[in-house]
PDB file of N, CA and C in Angstrom:
ATOM      1  N   MET A   1       9.939  40.633 128.378  1.00  0.00           N
ATOM      2  CA  MET A   1      10.867  41.005 127.325  1.00  0.00           C
ATOM      3  C   MET A   1      12.193  41.459 127.943  1.00  0.00           C
ATOM      4  N   ALA A   2      13.213  41.269 127.202  1.00  0.00           N
ATOM      5  CA  ALA A   2      14.546  41.652 127.647  1.00  0.00           C
ATOM      6  C   ALA A   2      14.742  43.152 127.449  1.00  0.00           C
ATOM      7  N   THR A   3      15.460  43.751 128.385  1.00  0.00           N
ATOM      8  CA  THR A   3      15.772  45.171 128.252  1.00  0.00           C
ATOM      9  C   THR A   3      16.900  45.334 127.249  1.00  0.00           C
ATOM     10  N   THR A   4      17.109  46.554 126.836  1.00  0.00           N
ATOM     11  CA  THR A   4      18.187  46.837 125.879  1.00  0.00           C
ATOM     12  C   THR A   4      19.533  46.427 126.469  1.00  0.00           C
ATOM     13  N   LYS A   5      19.722  46.714 127.745  1.00  0.00           N
ATOM     14  CA  LYS A   5      20.984  46.368 128.408  1.00  0.00           C
ATOM     15  C   LYS A   5      21.186  44.843 128.407  1.00  0.00           C
ATOM     16  N   GLN A   6      20.098  44.084 128.655  1.00  0.00           N
ATOM     17  CA  GLN A   6      20.204  42.631 128.658  1.00  0.00           C
ATOM     18  C   GLN A   6      20.508  42.102 127.261  1.00  0.00           C
ATOM     19  N   ARG A   7      19.881  42.693 126.257  1.00  0.00           N
ATOM     20  CA  ARG A   7      20.143  42.260 124.884  1.00  0.00           C
ATOM     21  C   ARG A   7      21.595  42.509 124.497  1.00  0.00           C
ATOM     22  N   GLU A   8      22.106  43.684 124.886  1.00  0.00           N
ATOM     23  CA  GLU A   8      23.507  44.010 124.579  1.00  0.00           C
ATOM     24  C   GLU A   8      24.452  43.035 125.281  1.00  0.00           C
ATOM     25  N   ALA A   9      24.146  42.710 126.544  1.00  0.00           N
ATOM     26  CA  ALA A   9      24.976  41.763 127.281  1.00  0.00           C
ATOM     27  C   ALA A   9      24.919  40.383 126.624  1.00  0.00           C
ATOM     28  N   ALA A  10      23.725  39.983 126.179  1.00  0.00           N
ATOM     29  CA  ALA A  10      23.574  38.684 125.512  1.00  0.00           C
ATOM     30  C   ALA A  10      24.377  38.655 124.219  1.00  0.00           C
ATOM     31  N   LYS A  11      24.326  39.737 123.451  1.00  0.00           N
ATOM     32  CA  LYS A  11      25.098  39.807 122.204  1.00  0.00           C
ATOM     33  C   LYS A  11      26.589  39.672 122.493  1.00  0.00           C
ATOM     34  N   LYS A  12      27.043  40.386 123.535  1.00  0.00           N
ATOM     35  CA  LYS A  12      28.457  40.343 123.909  1.00  0.00           C
ATOM     36  C   LYS A  12      28.854  38.919 124.315  1.00  0.00           C
ATOM     37  N   ASN A  13      27.993  38.265 125.096  1.00  0.00           N
ATOM     38  CA  ASN A  13      28.286  36.895 125.531  1.00  0.00           C
ATOM     39  C   ASN A  13      28.309  35.926 124.358  1.00  0.00           C
ATOM     40  N   VAL A  14      27.395  36.108 123.412  1.00  0.00           N
ATOM     41  CA  VAL A  14      27.361  35.242 122.230  1.00  0.00           C
ATOM     42  C   VAL A  14      28.630  35.432 121.422  1.00  0.00           C
ATOM     43  N   LYS A  15      29.060  36.683 121.253  1.00  0.00           N
ATOM     44  CA  LYS A  15      30.284  36.945 120.502  1.00  0.00           C
ATOM     45  C   LYS A  15      31.501  36.311 121.172  1.00  0.00           C
ATOM     46  N   LYS A  16      31.559  36.408 122.509  1.00  0.00           N
ATOM     47  CA  LYS A  16      32.665  35.800 123.243  1.00  0.00           C
ATOM     48  C   LYS A  16      32.660  34.287 123.075  1.00  0.00           C
ATOM     49  N   ALA A  17      31.470  33.697 123.171  1.00  0.00           N
ATOM     50  CA  ALA A  17      31.358  32.246 123.027  1.00  0.00           C
ATOM     51  C   ALA A  17      31.724  31.812 121.614  1.00  0.00           C
ATOM     52  N   GLN A  18      31.282  32.591 120.628  1.00  0.00           N
ATOM     53  CA  GLN A  18      31.620  32.263 119.243  1.00  0.00           C
ATOM     54  C   GLN A  18      33.116  32.358 119.015  1.00  0.00           C
ATOM     55  N   SER A  19      33.742  33.376 119.586  1.00  0.00           N
ATOM     56  CA  SER A  19      35.184  33.547 119.445  1.00  0.00           C
ATOM     57  C   SER A  19      35.929  32.369 120.075  1.00  0.00           C
ATOM     58  N   ALA A  20      35.507  31.991 121.274  1.00  0.00           N
ATOM     59  CA  ALA A  20      36.152  30.863 121.957  1.00  0.00           C
ATOM     60  C   ALA A  20      35.940  29.571 121.179  1.00  0.00           C
ATOM     61  N   ALA A  21      34.731  29.401 120.642  1.00  0.00           N
ATOM     62  CA  ALA A  21      34.439  28.192 119.867  1.00  0.00           C
ATOM     63  C   ALA A  21      35.298  28.141 118.607  1.00  0.00           C
ATOM     64  N   ARG A  22      35.481  29.302 117.976  1.00  0.00           N
ATOM     65  CA  ARG A  22      36.338  29.341 116.777  1.00  0.00           C
ATOM     66  C   ARG A  22      37.759  28.955 117.141  1.00  0.00           C
ATOM     67  N   ASP A  23      38.245  29.512 118.258  1.00  0.00           N
ATOM     68  CA  ASP A  23      39.611  29.218 118.683  1.00  0.00           C
ATOM     69  C   ASP A  23      39.797  27.736 118.992  1.00  0.00           C
ATOM     70  N   GLN A  24      38.772  27.119 119.570  1.00  0.00           N
ATOM     71  CA  GLN A  24      38.867  25.714 119.969  1.00  0.00           C
ATOM     72  C   GLN A  24      38.299  24.766 118.913  1.00  0.00           C
ATOM     73  N   HIS A  25      37.764  25.326 117.826  1.00  0.00           N
ATOM     74  CA  HIS A  25      37.155  24.535 116.754  1.00  0.00           C
ATOM     75  C   HIS A  25      36.014  23.661 117.274  1.00  0.00           C
ATOM     76  N   THR A  26      35.343  24.138 118.319  1.00  0.00           N
ATOM     77  CA  THR A  26      34.254  23.384 118.932  1.00  0.00           C
ATOM     78  C   THR A  26      33.097  23.179 117.968  1.00  0.00           C
ATOM     79  N   LEU A  27      32.746  24.224 117.226  1.00  0.00           N
ATOM     80  CA  LEU A  27      31.599  24.135 116.333  1.00  0.00           C
ATOM     81  C   LEU A  27      31.811  23.125 115.209  1.00  0.00           C
ATOM     82  N   GLN A  28      33.045  22.907 114.820  1.00  0.00           N
ATOM     83  CA  GLN A  28      33.327  21.942 113.758  1.00  0.00           C
ATOM     84  C   GLN A  28      32.961  20.533 114.184  1.00  0.00           C
ATOM     85  N   ASN A  29      32.981  20.273 115.491  1.00  0.00           N
ATOM     86  CA  ASN A  29      32.694  18.935 115.989  1.00  0.00           C
ATOM     87  C   ASN A  29      31.197  18.682 116.142  1.00  0.00           C
ATOM     88  N   LEU A  30      30.369  19.718 115.978  1.00  0.00           N
ATOM     89  CA  LEU A  30      28.921  19.570 116.094  1.00  0.00           C
ATOM     90  C   LEU A  30      28.321  19.266 114.730  1.00  0.00           C
ATOM     91  N   SER A  31      27.174  18.612 114.757  1.00  0.00           N
ATOM     92  CA  SER A  31      26.502  18.320 113.486  1.00  0.00           C
ATOM     93  C   SER A  31      25.939  19.606 112.895  1.00  0.00           C
ATOM     94  N   LYS A  32      25.697  19.601 111.603  1.00  0.00           N
ATOM     95  CA  LYS A  32      25.149  20.778 110.921  1.00  0.00           C
ATOM     96  C   LYS A  32      23.786  21.134 111.513  1.00  0.00           C
ATOM     97  N   ARG A  33      23.004  20.121 111.813  1.00  0.00           N
ATOM     98  CA  ARG A  33      21.670  20.337 112.399  1.00  0.00           C
ATOM     99  C   ARG A  33      21.767  21.077 113.738  1.00  0.00           C
ATOM    100  N   THR A  34      22.717  20.682 114.568  1.00  0.00           N
ATOM    101  CA  THR A  34      22.904  21.320 115.871  1.00  0.00           C
ATOM    102  C   THR A  34      23.377  22.755 115.703  1.00  0.00           C
ATOM    103  N   ARG A  35      24.315  22.971 114.775  1.00  0.00           N
ATOM    104  CA  ARG A  35      24.800  24.332 114.535  1.00  0.00           C
ATOM    105  C   ARG A  35      23.670  25.235 114.064  1.00  0.00           C
ATOM    106  N   THR A  36      22.822  24.716 113.200  1.00  0.00           N
ATOM    107  CA  THR A  36      21.681  25.486 112.698  1.00  0.00           C
ATOM    108  C   THR A  36      20.732  25.836 113.841  1.00  0.00           C
ATOM    109  N   ALA A  37      20.438  24.865 114.687  1.00  0.00           N
ATOM    110  CA  ALA A  37      19.529  25.091 115.817  1.00  0.00           C
ATOM    111  C   ALA A  37      20.101  26.138 116.774  1.00  0.00           C
ATOM    112  N   LEU A  38      21.403  26.067 117.033  1.00  0.00           N
ATOM    113  CA  LEU A  38      22.041  27.043 117.925  1.00  0.00           C
ATOM    114  C   LEU A  38      21.963  28.449 117.336  1.00  0.00           C
ATOM    115  N   GLY A  39      22.182  28.565 116.046  1.00  0.00           N
ATOM    116  CA  GLY A  39      22.101  29.858 115.376  1.00  0.00           C
ATOM    117  C   GLY A  39      20.705  30.436 115.425  1.00  0.00           C
ATOM    118  N   LYS A  40      19.698  29.595 115.197  1.00  0.00           N
ATOM    119  CA  LYS A  40      18.307  30.061 115.241  1.00  0.00           C
ATOM    120  C   LYS A  40      17.924  30.526 116.637  1.00  0.00           C
ATOM    121  N   GLU A  41      18.356  29.793 117.651  1.00  0.00           N
ATOM    122  CA  GLU A  41      18.057  30.168 119.035  1.00  0.00           C
ATOM    123  C   GLU A  41      18.732  31.493 119.381  1.00  0.00           C
ATOM    124  N   ALA A  42      19.978  31.658 118.994  1.00  0.00           N
ATOM    125  CA  ALA A  42      20.703  32.907 119.276  1.00  0.00           C
ATOM    126  C   ALA A  42      20.033  34.085 118.586  1.00  0.00           C
ATOM    127  N   ASN A  43      19.596  33.895 117.346  1.00  0.00           N
ATOM    128  CA  ASN A  43      18.926  34.975 116.624  1.00  0.00           C
ATOM    129  C   ASN A  43      17.596  35.341 117.260  1.00  0.00           C
ATOM    130  N   ALA A  44      16.872  34.357 117.746  1.00  0.00           N
ATOM    131  CA  ALA A  44      15.586  34.629 118.403  1.00  0.00           C
ATOM    132  C   ALA A  44      15.793  35.461 119.663  1.00  0.00           C
ATOM    133  N   VAL A  45      16.840  35.160 120.421  1.00  0.00           N
ATOM    134  CA  VAL A  45      17.138  35.933 121.640  1.00  0.00           C
ATOM    135  C   VAL A  45      17.541  37.355 121.263  1.00  0.00           C
ATOM    136  N   ARG A  46      18.356  37.484 120.225  1.00  0.00           N
ATOM    137  CA  ARG A  46      18.784  38.822 119.791  1.00  0.00           C
ATOM    138  C   ARG A  46      17.608  39.678 119.365  1.00  0.00           C
ATOM    139  N   ARG A  47      16.664  39.077 118.645  1.00  0.00           N
ATOM    140  CA  ARG A  47      15.483  39.812 118.186  1.00  0.00           C
ATOM    141  C   ARG A  47      14.510  40.102 119.327  1.00  0.00           C
ATOM    142  N   GLY A  48      14.655  39.395 120.430  1.00  0.00           N
ATOM    143  CA  GLY A  48      13.732  39.569 121.549  1.00  0.00           C
ATOM    144  C   GLY A  48      12.526  38.643 121.450  1.00  0.00           C
ATOM    145  N   ASP A  49      12.557  37.696 120.506  1.00  0.00           N
ATOM    146  CA  ASP A  49      11.448  36.756 120.335  1.00  0.00           C
ATOM    147  C   ASP A  49      11.466  35.651 121.388  1.00  0.00           C
ATOM    148  N   ALA A  50      12.638  35.302 121.851  1.00  0.00           N
ATOM    149  CA  ALA A  50      12.783  34.227 122.835  1.00  0.00           C
ATOM    150  C   ALA A  50      13.356  34.817 124.121  1.00  0.00           C
ATOM    151  N   PRO A  51      12.930  34.293 125.262  1.00  0.00           N
ATOM    152  CA  PRO A  51      13.447  34.815 126.528  1.00  0.00           C
ATOM    153  C   PRO A  51      14.885  34.362 126.775  1.00  0.00           C
ATOM    154  N   THR A  52      15.612  35.166 127.524  1.00  0.00           N
ATOM    155  CA  THR A  52      16.970  34.786 127.917  1.00  0.00           C
ATOM    156  C   THR A  52      16.874  33.799 129.072  1.00  0.00           C
ATOM    157  N   ARG A  53      17.965  33.145 129.400  1.00  0.00           N
ATOM    158  CA  ARG A  53      17.968  32.204 130.516  1.00  0.00           C
ATOM    159  C   ARG A  53      17.643  32.940 131.816  1.00  0.00           C
ATOM    160  N   ARG A  54      18.171  34.122 131.942  1.00  0.00           N
ATOM    161  CA  ARG A  54      17.921  34.911 133.144  1.00  0.00           C
ATOM    162  C   ARG A  54      16.428  35.217 133.300  1.00  0.00           C
ATOM    163  N   GLU A  55      15.770  35.563 132.201  1.00  0.00           N
ATOM    164  CA  GLU A  55      14.329  35.833 132.242  1.00  0.00           C
ATOM    165  C   GLU A  55      13.548  34.573 132.615  1.00  0.00           C
ATOM    166  N   LEU A  56      13.970  33.437 132.061  1.00  0.00           N
ATOM    167  CA  LEU A  56      13.304  32.178 132.384  1.00  0.00           C
ATOM    168  C   LEU A  56      13.488  31.826 133.857  1.00  0.00           C
ATOM    169  N   GLU A  57      14.693  32.058 134.362  1.00  0.00           N
ATOM    170  CA  GLU A  57      14.958  31.750 135.773  1.00  0.00           C
ATOM    171  C   GLU A  57      14.124  32.651 136.688  1.00  0.00           C
ATOM    172  N   GLN A  58      13.966  33.919 136.311  1.00  0.00           N
ATOM    173  CA  GLN A  58      13.139  34.842 137.097  1.00  0.00           C
ATOM    174  C   GLN A  58      11.684  34.370 137.120  1.00  0.00           C
ATOM    175  N   LYS A  59      11.176  33.956 135.960  1.00  0.00           N
ATOM    176  CA  LYS A  59       9.796  33.464 135.873  1.00  0.00           C
ATOM    177  C   LYS A  59       9.638  32.192 136.696  1.00  0.00           C
ATOM    178  N   ALA A  60      10.648  31.311 136.654  1.00  0.00           N
ATOM    179  CA  ALA A  60      10.614  30.078 137.441  1.00  0.00           C
ATOM    180  C   ALA A  60      10.596  30.397 138.933  1.00  0.00           C
ATOM    181  N   ARG A  61      11.342  31.410 139.324  1.00  0.00           N
ATOM    182  CA  ARG A  61      11.361  31.840 140.725  1.00  0.00           C
ATOM    183  C   ARG A  61       9.965  32.306 141.141  1.00  0.00           C
ATOM    184  N   GLU A  62       9.323  33.105 140.276  1.00  0.00           N
ATOM    185  CA  GLU A  62       7.982  33.598 140.570  1.00  0.00           C
ATOM    186  C   GLU A  62       6.977  32.451 140.683  1.00  0.00           C
ATOM    187  N   LEU A  63       7.168  31.400 139.876  1.00  0.00           N
ATOM    188  CA  LEU A  63       6.252  30.264 139.882  1.00  0.00           C
ATOM    189  C   LEU A  63       6.597  29.233 140.960  1.00  0.00           C
ATOM    190  N   GLY A  64       7.729  29.433 141.645  1.00  0.00           N
ATOM    191  CA  GLY A  64       8.123  28.536 142.733  1.00  0.00           C
ATOM    192  C   GLY A  64       8.654  27.192 142.264  1.00  0.00           C
ATOM    193  N   ILE A  65       9.297  27.167 141.119  1.00  0.00           N
ATOM    194  CA  ILE A  65       9.855  25.925 140.581  1.00  0.00           C
ATOM    195  C   ILE A  65      11.163  25.619 141.310  1.00  0.00           C
ATOM    196  N   LYS A  66      11.256  24.415 141.858  1.00  0.00           N
ATOM    197  CA  LYS A  66      12.459  24.024 142.604  1.00  0.00           C
ATOM    198  C   LYS A  66      13.521  23.476 141.648  1.00  0.00           C
ATOM    199  N   GLY A  67      14.789  23.666 142.006  1.00  0.00           N
ATOM    200  CA  GLY A  67      15.901  23.160 141.222  1.00  0.00           C
ATOM    201  C   GLY A  67      16.217  23.986 139.994  1.00  0.00           C
ATOM    202  N   ARG A  68      15.671  25.189 139.916  1.00  0.00           N
ATOM    203  CA  ARG A  68      15.828  26.015 138.707  1.00  0.00           C
ATOM    204  C   ARG A  68      17.271  26.434 138.459  1.00  0.00           C
ATOM    205  N   SER A  69      18.061  26.597 139.503  1.00  0.00           N
ATOM    206  CA  SER A  69      19.437  27.052 139.299  1.00  0.00           C
ATOM    207  C   SER A  69      20.305  25.982 138.638  1.00  0.00           C
ATOM    208  N   LYS A  70      19.884  24.733 138.742  1.00  0.00           N
ATOM    209  CA  LYS A  70      20.651  23.643 138.145  1.00  0.00           C
ATOM    210  C   LYS A  70      20.144  23.279 136.750  1.00  0.00           C
ATOM    211  N   MET A  71      19.047  23.909 136.330  1.00  0.00           N
ATOM    212  CA  MET A  71      18.447  23.587 135.027  1.00  0.00           C
ATOM    213  C   MET A  71      19.117  24.355 133.903  1.00  0.00           C
ATOM    214  N   GLY A  72      19.137  23.739 132.744  1.00  0.00           N
ATOM    215  CA  GLY A  72      19.594  24.416 131.538  1.00  0.00           C
ATOM    216  C   GLY A  72      18.447  25.245 130.980  1.00  0.00           C
ATOM    217  N   LYS A  73      18.717  25.958 129.917  1.00  0.00           N
ATOM    218  CA  LYS A  73      17.705  26.847 129.335  1.00  0.00           C
ATOM    219  C   LYS A  73      16.484  26.064 128.845  1.00  0.00           C
ATOM    220  N   ASP A  74      16.702  24.962 128.138  1.00  0.00           N
ATOM    221  CA  ASP A  74      15.576  24.172 127.635  1.00  0.00           C
ATOM    222  C   ASP A  74      14.755  23.585 128.777  1.00  0.00           C
ATOM    223  N   GLU A  75      15.438  23.107 129.816  1.00  0.00           N
ATOM    224  CA  GLU A  75      14.720  22.567 130.971  1.00  0.00           C
ATOM    225  C   GLU A  75      13.876  23.646 131.636  1.00  0.00           C
ATOM    226  N   LEU A  76      14.439  24.839 131.756  1.00  0.00           N
ATOM    227  CA  LEU A  76      13.683  25.951 132.337  1.00  0.00           C
ATOM    228  C   LEU A  76      12.461  26.277 131.483  1.00  0.00           C
ATOM    229  N   LYS A  77      12.641  26.293 130.157  1.00  0.00           N
ATOM    230  CA  LYS A  77      11.522  26.572 129.249  1.00  0.00           C
ATOM    231  C   LYS A  77      10.380  25.595 129.486  1.00  0.00           C
ATOM    232  N   HIS A  78      10.711  24.305 129.546  1.00  0.00           N
ATOM    233  CA  HIS A  78       9.692  23.280 129.726  1.00  0.00           C
ATOM    234  C   HIS A  78       9.059  23.358 131.116  1.00  0.00           C
ATOM    235  N   ALA A  79       9.864  23.612 132.140  1.00  0.00           N
ATOM    236  CA  ALA A  79       9.348  23.694 133.503  1.00  0.00           C
ATOM    237  C   ALA A  79       8.396  24.887 133.659  1.00  0.00           C
ATOM    238  N   VAL A  80       8.787  26.028 133.100  1.00  0.00           N
ATOM    239  CA  VAL A  80       7.943  27.233 133.182  1.00  0.00           C
ATOM    240  C   VAL A  80       6.643  27.010 132.405  1.00  0.00           C
ATOM    241  N   ALA A  81       6.752  26.440 131.218  1.00  0.00           N
ATOM    242  CA  ALA A  81       5.555  26.173 130.415  1.00  0.00           C
ATOM    243  C   ALA A  81       4.619  25.217 131.146  1.00  0.00           C
ATOM    244  N   GLY A  82       5.178  24.178 131.733  1.00  0.00           N
ATOM    245  CA  GLY A  82       4.365  23.197 132.465  1.00  0.00           C
ATOM    246  C   GLY A  82       3.703  23.821 133.685  1.00  0.00           C
ATOM    247  N   ALA A  83       4.440  24.651 134.406  1.00  0.00           N
ATOM    248  CA  ALA A  83       3.886  25.314 135.594  1.00  0.00           C
ATOM    249  C   ALA A  83       2.786  26.291 135.217  1.00  0.00           C
ATOM    250  N   GLN A  84       2.953  26.982 134.084  1.00  0.00           N
ATOM    251  CA  GLN A  84       1.935  27.928 133.648  1.00  0.00           C
ATOM    252  C   GLN A  84       0.676  27.209 133.196  1.00  0.00           C
ATOM    253  N   ARG A  85       0.838  26.042 132.560  1.00  0.00           N
ATOM    254  CA  ARG A  85      -0.330  25.248 132.151  1.00  0.00           C
ATOM    255  C   ARG A  85      -1.075  24.734 133.366  1.00  0.00           C
ATOM    256  N   GLY A  86      -0.313  24.352 134.399  1.00  0.00           N
ATOM    257  CA  GLY A  86      -0.908  23.806 135.603  1.00  0.00           C
ATOM    258  C   GLY A  86      -1.564  24.838 136.503  1.00  0.00           C
ATOM    259  N   SER A  87      -1.221  26.116 136.285  1.00  0.00           N
ATOM    260  CA  SER A  87      -1.760  27.178 137.151  1.00  0.00           C
ATOM    261  C   SER A  87      -3.191  27.501 136.830  1.00  0.00           C
TER     262      SER A  87
END
Protein backbone atom coordinates (compact mmCIF):
# COMPACT_ATOMS: atom_id res chain seq x y z
CA MET A 1 0.00 0.00 0.00
CA ALA A 2 1.06 3.54 -0.62
CA THR A 3 2.02 5.74 2.29
CA THR A 4 0.23 8.99 2.96
CA LYS A 5 3.24 10.91 1.66
CA GLN A 6 3.20 8.88 -1.58
CA ARG A 7 -0.52 9.44 -2.04
CA GLU A 8 -0.10 13.19 -1.54
CA ALA A 9 2.76 13.25 -4.06
CA ALA A 10 0.64 11.27 -6.54
CA LYS A 11 -2.26 13.70 -6.11
CA LYS A 12 0.09 16.64 -6.69
CA ASN A 13 1.52 14.99 -9.82
CA VAL A 14 -1.95 14.23 -11.17
CA LYS A 15 -3.01 17.84 -10.62
CA LYS A 16 0.11 19.10 -12.41
CA ALA A 17 -0.49 16.74 -15.31
CA GLN A 18 -4.14 17.73 -15.52
CA SER A 19 -3.20 21.41 -15.51
CA ALA A 20 -0.64 20.90 -18.27
CA ALA A 21 -3.12 18.83 -20.28
CA ARG A 22 -5.73 21.57 -19.95
CA ASP A 23 -3.22 24.17 -21.10
CA GLN A 24 -2.23 22.05 -24.10
CA HIS A 25 -5.76 20.70 -24.74
CA THR A 26 -4.24 17.22 -24.77
CA LEU A 27 -7.28 15.54 -23.26
CA GLN A 28 -9.54 16.89 -25.99
CA ASN A 29 -7.58 14.86 -28.53
CA LEU A 30 -8.20 11.58 -26.65
CA SER A 31 -11.27 9.44 -27.10
CA LYS A 32 -13.97 9.53 -24.42
CA ARG A 33 -13.22 5.89 -23.61
CA THR A 34 -9.54 6.68 -22.98
CA ARG A 35 -10.37 9.70 -20.83
CA THR A 36 -12.74 7.58 -18.76
CA ALA A 37 -10.13 4.86 -18.29
CA LEU A 38 -7.50 7.41 -17.23
CA GLY A 39 -9.89 8.92 -14.69
CA LYS A 40 -10.76 5.52 -13.23
CA GLU A 41 -7.09 4.58 -12.91
CA ALA A 42 -6.23 7.90 -11.22
CA ASN A 43 -9.11 7.48 -8.77
CA ALA A 44 -8.04 3.94 -7.90
CA VAL A 45 -4.51 5.18 -7.09
CA ARG A 46 -5.90 8.03 -4.99
CA ARG A 47 -8.09 5.64 -3.00
CA GLY A 48 -5.15 3.29 -2.52
CA ASP A 49 -6.88 0.47 -4.43
CA ALA A 50 -4.26 0.35 -7.18
CA PRO A 51 -0.49 0.44 -6.72
CA THR A 52 1.56 3.40 -7.89
CA ARG A 53 4.22 2.93 -10.57
CA ARG A 54 6.88 3.29 -7.92
CA GLU A 55 5.32 0.47 -5.87
CA LEU A 56 5.13 -1.74 -8.95
CA GLU A 57 8.76 -1.03 -9.80
CA GLN A 58 9.81 -1.92 -6.23
CA LYS A 59 7.90 -5.22 -6.44
CA ALA A 60 9.48 -5.92 -9.84
CA ARG A 61 12.91 -5.28 -8.32
CA GLU A 62 12.15 -7.77 -5.53
CA LEU A 63 11.02 -10.35 -8.11
CA GLY A 64 14.12 -9.77 -10.27
CA ILE A 65 12.27 -8.64 -13.38
CA LYS A 66 14.69 -7.28 -15.98
CA GLY A 67 13.99 -4.13 -18.01
CA ARG A 68 11.61 -2.74 -15.38
CA SER A 69 12.93 0.81 -15.61
CA LYS A 70 11.92 1.01 -19.26
CA MET A 71 8.43 -0.43 -18.68
CA GLY A 72 5.27 1.59 -18.41
CA LYS A 73 2.82 1.11 -15.56
CA ASP A 74 0.64 -1.42 -17.41
CA GLU A 75 3.69 -3.40 -18.52
CA LEU A 76 4.94 -3.48 -14.94
CA LYS A 77 1.51 -4.65 -13.73
CA HIS A 78 1.51 -7.55 -16.19
CA ALA A 79 5.15 -8.47 -15.55
CA VAL A 80 4.69 -8.50 -11.76
CA ALA A 81 1.47 -10.51 -12.05
CA GLY A 82 3.14 -13.02 -14.37
CA ALA A 83 6.18 -13.36 -12.11
CA GLN A 84 3.99 -13.89 -9.06
CA ARG A 85 1.98 -16.58 -10.87
CA GLY A 86 5.20 -18.28 -11.91
CA SER A 87 6.66 -18.23 -8.40
